[in-house]
N, C-alpha and C. Protein backbone atom coordinates (compact mmCIF):
# COMPACT_ATOMS: atom_id res chain seq x y z
N ALA A 1 2.96 8.80 -0.33
CA ALA A 1 3.27 8.08 1.09
C ALA A 1 3.99 6.82 0.88
N THR A 2 4.95 6.50 1.77
CA THR A 2 5.58 5.38 1.94
C THR A 2 5.24 4.15 2.77
N ARG A 3 5.64 3.28 2.39
CA ARG A 3 5.68 2.17 3.76
C ARG A 3 6.39 1.22 3.69
N GLU A 4 7.46 0.70 4.57
CA GLU A 4 8.37 -0.45 4.42
C GLU A 4 7.44 -1.95 5.17
N HIS A 5 7.69 -2.91 4.34
CA HIS A 5 7.05 -4.13 4.83
C HIS A 5 7.88 -5.28 4.27
N ASP A 6 8.10 -6.21 5.49
CA ASP A 6 9.19 -7.18 4.87
C ASP A 6 10.38 -6.93 4.00
N GLY A 7 11.18 -5.98 4.36
CA GLY A 7 12.11 -5.18 3.53
C GLY A 7 11.96 -4.76 2.55
N THR A 8 10.81 -4.73 1.74
CA THR A 8 10.26 -3.90 0.75
C THR A 8 9.28 -2.25 1.05
N THR A 9 10.02 -1.76 0.47
CA THR A 9 9.44 -0.29 0.21
C THR A 9 8.28 -0.10 -0.89
N PHE A 10 6.94 0.34 -0.48
CA PHE A 10 5.42 0.42 -0.78
C PHE A 10 5.29 1.92 -1.02
N TYR A 11 5.29 2.39 -2.44
CA TYR A 11 5.14 3.77 -2.40
C TYR A 11 3.17 4.04 -3.07
N PHE A 12 2.67 4.98 -2.34
CA PHE A 12 1.03 4.92 -2.79
C PHE A 12 0.96 6.61 -2.89
N CYS A 13 -0.19 6.78 -3.25
CA CYS A 13 -0.64 7.82 -4.07
C CYS A 13 -1.32 8.73 -3.21
N SER A 14 -1.69 8.12 -2.02
CA SER A 14 -2.03 9.17 -0.67
C SER A 14 -1.53 8.45 0.34
N THR A 15 -1.93 9.21 1.46
CA THR A 15 -1.98 9.15 2.83
C THR A 15 -2.99 7.80 3.24
N SER A 16 -4.37 8.16 2.34
CA SER A 16 -5.14 7.08 2.58
C SER A 16 -5.23 5.77 2.02
N CYS A 17 -4.77 5.69 1.20
CA CYS A 17 -4.22 4.49 0.40
C CYS A 17 -3.04 3.85 1.04
N ALA A 18 -2.21 4.62 1.85
CA ALA A 18 -1.21 3.85 2.51
C ALA A 18 -1.81 3.65 3.94
N GLU A 19 -2.90 4.25 4.40
CA GLU A 19 -3.65 3.70 5.39
C GLU A 19 -4.05 2.80 5.24
N THR A 20 -4.84 2.19 4.23
CA THR A 20 -5.32 1.26 3.68
C THR A 20 -4.48 -0.20 3.75
N PHE A 21 -3.10 0.19 3.53
CA PHE A 21 -1.99 -0.80 3.52
C PHE A 21 -1.94 -1.11 4.65
N ASP A 22 -1.76 -0.16 5.55
CA ASP A 22 -1.61 -0.60 7.09
C ASP A 22 -2.59 -1.65 7.77
N ALA A 23 -3.54 -1.27 7.16
CA ALA A 23 -4.89 -2.61 7.51
C ALA A 23 -4.51 -4.00 7.11
N ASP A 24 -3.92 -3.85 5.90
CA ASP A 24 -3.71 -5.40 5.53
C ASP A 24 -2.65 -5.26 5.12
N PRO A 25 -1.43 -5.01 5.16
CA PRO A 25 -0.35 -5.22 4.53
C PRO A 25 0.24 -6.62 3.49
N HIS A 26 -0.24 -7.30 4.22
CA HIS A 26 -0.11 -8.92 3.32
C HIS A 26 -0.82 -8.84 1.92
N ARG A 27 -2.10 -8.34 1.66
CA ARG A 27 -2.58 -8.05 0.66
C ARG A 27 -1.79 -7.48 -0.63
N TYR A 28 -0.89 -6.71 -0.34
CA TYR A 28 -0.12 -6.28 -1.17
C TYR A 28 1.17 -6.93 -1.75
N GLY A 29 1.17 -8.28 -1.17
CA GLY A 29 2.52 -9.18 -1.08
C GLY A 29 2.44 -9.10 -2.81
N HIS A 30 4.06 -10.11 -2.73
CA HIS A 30 4.64 -10.42 -4.10
C HIS A 30 4.48 -9.21 -5.45
N GLY A 31 4.68 -8.27 -5.05
CA GLY A 31 4.85 -6.90 -5.89
C GLY A 31 3.66 -6.49 -6.96
N GLN A 32 2.68 -6.91 -6.33
CA GLN A 32 1.24 -6.61 -6.88
C GLN A 32 1.27 -5.28 -6.81
N ALA A 33 0.58 -4.59 -8.00
CA ALA A 33 0.16 -2.96 -7.95
C ALA A 33 -0.85 -2.86 -7.45
N HIS A 34 -0.70 -1.41 -6.57
CA HIS A 34 -1.89 -0.86 -6.19
C HIS A 34 -2.68 -0.23 -6.99
N THR A 35 -3.89 -1.21 -7.59
CA THR A 35 -4.87 -0.33 -8.45
C THR A 35 -5.95 0.26 -8.13
N ALA A 36 -6.22 -0.45 -6.89
CA ALA A 36 -7.63 0.24 -6.53
C ALA A 36 -7.31 1.58 -6.02
N HIS A 37 -8.46 3.00 -6.30
CA HIS A 37 -8.09 3.96 -6.01
C HIS A 37 -9.48 4.66 -5.40
N HIS A 38 -10.13 3.65 -4.57
CA HIS A 38 -11.37 4.25 -4.55
C HIS A 38 -11.64 5.20 -2.96
N GLY A 39 -12.20 5.98 -3.08
CA GLY A 39 -12.61 6.97 -2.08
C GLY A 39 -11.55 8.26 -1.93
N HIS A 40 -11.14 8.43 -2.83
CA HIS A 40 -9.95 9.61 -3.37
C HIS A 40 -10.69 10.59 -2.90
């Protein structure tokens, strides 16, 4: 799954992780990796 935010494409391992991003996209700023994979 992918999402666009502020001109950046974010890639996620699952739709669930993308939905977590949708709820708080600013949490993923500054190019930090998506490392939490809880609830898969």
